[in-house]
Amino acid sequence: MKKNRRRLMSLLLAAVMILSLGSPAAKAEPAGESGLPQAPQIEGPLTVREMDPASLNVKKLGVFTSPADYVAQTPDMPFSYRDVVRVSIFLDEKSTADAGYSLENVQSNQEVMAYRQALEEGQHKMEDAIEAATGRELKVYWNLTLLVNAISADVRYGDIPKILTY
């Protein structure tokens, strides 16, 4: 009796699972009838052409030569002085990849790990300098060393010109 009940429940569960697969498919709309715009049809192979980025008439974000340049280019930003924003602070030393190290088996390569450790030490010195300049603790999320040499951190928007002096 118990075996028959288990078999019946297994059969019922399998039937419900199979029937549940058909429900979403039945409600799906045929392609093109959803009201969404259709993607353009491309005939022939795609071609890539060189383009001058200056022709886009868009300023490159985050590249400032001085704090005054930063203030001049960002007068209408939607942040107040006290708003906290996430920034990426790129350091001058080359990342592990840019320094020419192989990225294979990074964890077992002592030379690569020593280089990454040296980059992190430089990043910690930069963090200390930024904290001294802003008078606030820097909330660091990532110390990146493999493909870029950068610090990802939260700072007050008004402190960005102070950070640019480093």
Protein backbone atom coordinates (compact mmCIF):
# COMPACT_ATOMS: atom_id res chain seq x y z
CA MET A 1 0.00 0.00 0.00
CA LYS A 2 2.79 2.42 0.96
CA LYS A 3 4.74 1.56 -2.23
CA ASN A 4 1.70 2.19 -4.40
CA ARG A 5 1.12 5.56 -2.71
CA ARG A 6 4.76 6.61 -3.37
CA ARG A 7 4.54 5.51 -6.99
CA LEU A 8 1.28 7.39 -7.45
CA MET A 9 2.76 10.55 -5.86
CA SER A 10 5.88 10.24 -8.06
CA LEU A 11 3.75 9.86 -11.17
CA LEU A 12 1.57 12.82 -10.15
CA LEU A 13 4.63 15.01 -9.44
CA ALA A 14 6.18 14.09 -12.81
CA ALA A 15 2.93 14.92 -14.60
CA VAL A 16 2.67 18.32 -12.87
CA MET A 17 6.27 19.15 -13.77
CA ILE A 18 5.70 18.26 -17.41
CA LEU A 19 2.48 20.27 -17.61
CA SER A 20 4.13 23.30 -15.96
CA LEU A 21 6.60 23.50 -18.85
CA GLY A 22 3.80 24.14 -21.32
CA SER A 23 2.22 27.03 -19.41
CA PRO A 24 4.85 29.73 -20.14
CA ALA A 25 5.17 28.58 -23.74
CA ALA A 26 1.41 28.90 -24.27
CA LYS A 27 1.41 32.53 -23.07
CA ALA A 28 4.38 33.55 -25.22
CA GLU A 29 3.62 35.86 -28.12
CA PRO A 30 4.85 35.11 -31.60
CA ALA A 31 7.86 37.15 -32.67
CA GLY A 32 6.95 40.64 -33.79
CA GLU A 33 3.57 40.80 -32.04
CA SER A 34 4.81 41.97 -28.64
CA GLY A 35 4.58 45.67 -29.50
CA LEU A 36 8.34 46.11 -29.10
CA PRO A 37 10.31 47.59 -32.00
CA GLN A 38 11.94 45.07 -34.25
CA ALA A 39 15.70 45.01 -34.62
CA PRO A 40 16.83 46.14 -38.06
CA GLN A 41 17.72 43.38 -40.46
CA ILE A 42 21.32 43.54 -41.60
CA GLU A 43 22.20 42.22 -44.98
CA GLY A 44 25.73 41.25 -45.80
CA PRO A 45 28.79 41.21 -43.54
CA LEU A 46 29.37 43.87 -40.91
CA THR A 47 32.25 46.24 -41.49
CA VAL A 48 34.27 48.19 -38.95
CA ARG A 49 35.63 51.58 -39.84
CA GLU A 50 38.12 53.75 -38.01
CA MET A 51 36.64 56.77 -36.31
CA ASP A 52 38.16 59.77 -34.61
CA PRO A 53 36.78 59.94 -31.03
CA ALA A 54 37.02 63.75 -31.18
CA SER A 55 34.37 63.73 -33.91
CA LEU A 56 31.83 62.53 -31.34
CA ASN A 57 32.07 65.87 -29.53
CA VAL A 58 31.94 64.08 -26.16
CA LYS A 59 34.41 64.81 -23.39
CA LYS A 60 36.30 61.89 -21.93
CA LEU A 61 35.05 61.37 -18.42
CA GLY A 62 37.34 61.42 -15.42
CA VAL A 63 40.44 62.83 -17.07
CA PHE A 64 41.42 66.08 -15.41
CA THR A 65 44.81 67.70 -15.30
CA SER A 66 44.15 69.78 -12.16
CA PRO A 67 41.51 70.39 -9.50
CA ALA A 68 40.62 73.67 -11.24
CA ASP A 69 40.08 71.77 -14.50
CA TYR A 70 37.77 69.40 -12.61
CA VAL A 71 35.69 72.24 -11.15
CA ALA A 72 35.52 74.01 -14.54
CA GLN A 73 34.26 70.90 -16.34
CA THR A 74 31.73 69.78 -13.74
CA PRO A 75 29.63 72.83 -12.76
CA ASP A 76 26.27 71.17 -13.39
CA MET A 77 26.87 67.75 -11.85
CA PRO A 78 23.85 66.33 -10.02
CA PHE A 79 25.76 65.80 -6.75
CA SER A 80 26.13 67.98 -3.71
CA TYR A 81 29.42 68.51 -1.92
CA ARG A 82 28.52 65.97 0.78
CA ASP A 83 27.17 63.20 -1.48
CA VAL A 84 29.17 59.97 -1.36
CA VAL A 85 30.17 58.63 -4.78
CA ARG A 86 32.19 55.59 -5.90
CA VAL A 87 35.43 56.46 -7.66
CA SER A 88 38.24 54.54 -9.29
CA ILE A 89 41.64 55.98 -8.48
CA PHE A 90 44.24 54.87 -11.02
CA LEU A 91 47.87 54.87 -9.94
CA ASP A 92 50.87 55.48 -12.19
CA GLU A 93 52.68 52.17 -11.64
CA LYS A 94 51.97 49.52 -14.27
CA SER A 95 49.51 46.74 -13.48
CA THR A 96 50.74 43.16 -13.36
CA ALA A 97 49.64 42.52 -16.96
CA ASP A 98 51.07 45.82 -18.22
CA ALA A 99 54.40 45.05 -16.54
CA GLY A 100 54.67 41.99 -18.77
CA TYR A 101 53.97 39.23 -16.28
CA SER A 102 52.15 36.12 -17.44
CA LEU A 103 48.62 35.83 -16.12
CA GLU A 104 48.72 32.05 -16.09
CA ASN A 105 49.00 30.45 -12.65
CA VAL A 106 49.29 33.84 -10.99
CA GLN A 107 48.73 32.48 -7.48
CA SER A 108 51.61 30.01 -7.77
CA ASN A 109 54.08 32.44 -9.38
CA GLN A 110 56.05 33.99 -6.51
CA GLU A 111 57.53 36.76 -8.66
CA VAL A 112 54.07 37.89 -9.81
CA MET A 113 52.68 37.74 -6.29
CA ALA A 114 55.60 39.83 -4.99
CA TYR A 115 54.95 42.45 -7.69
CA ARG A 116 51.23 42.54 -6.83
CA GLN A 117 52.09 42.89 -3.14
CA ALA A 118 54.34 45.86 -3.95
CA LEU A 119 51.48 47.46 -5.93
CA GLU A 120 49.12 46.98 -2.99
CA GLU A 121 51.63 48.58 -0.64
CA GLY A 122 51.78 51.59 -2.98
CA GLN A 123 47.99 51.70 -3.01
CA HIS A 124 47.87 51.67 0.80
CA LYS A 125 50.30 54.61 0.88
CA MET A 126 48.02 56.47 -1.55
CA GLU A 127 45.00 55.65 0.63
CA ASP A 128 46.82 57.09 3.67
CA ALA A 129 47.68 60.25 1.73
CA ILE A 130 44.07 60.69 0.59
CA GLU A 131 42.79 60.17 4.13
CA ALA A 132 45.24 62.81 5.38
CA ALA A 133 44.16 65.26 2.66
CA THR A 134 40.41 64.76 3.15
CA GLY A 135 40.44 64.24 6.91
CA ARG A 136 38.18 61.21 6.48
CA GLU A 137 38.63 57.47 6.39
CA LEU A 138 38.62 56.15 2.84
CA LYS A 139 36.15 53.29 2.40
CA VAL A 140 38.00 51.02 -0.03
CA TYR A 141 36.07 48.30 -1.84
CA TRP A 142 38.73 46.89 -4.15
CA ASN A 143 42.48 47.06 -4.54
CA LEU A 144 42.97 46.07 -8.18
CA THR A 145 46.43 45.00 -9.33
CA LEU A 146 46.10 42.32 -12.01
CA LEU A 147 44.77 44.14 -15.09
CA VAL A 148 44.79 47.71 -13.73
CA ASN A 149 46.51 49.40 -10.83
CA ALA A 150 43.51 51.06 -9.21
CA ILE A 151 41.63 51.61 -5.98
CA SER A 152 37.83 51.48 -5.95
CA ALA A 153 36.50 53.54 -3.04
CA ASP A 154 33.67 55.72 -1.78
CA VAL A 155 34.47 59.40 -1.25
CA ARG A 156 32.54 62.58 -0.75
CA TYR A 157 31.94 64.33 -4.05
CA GLY A 158 33.44 67.54 -2.69
CA ASP A 159 36.69 65.72 -1.85
CA ILE A 160 37.42 64.76 -5.44
CA PRO A 161 39.46 67.93 -6.19
CA LYS A 162 41.61 67.18 -3.13
CA ILE A 163 42.24 63.65 -4.41
CA LEU A 164 43.22 64.96 -7.84
CA THR A 165 46.26 66.70 -6.34
CA TYR A 166 47.88 63.30 -5.81
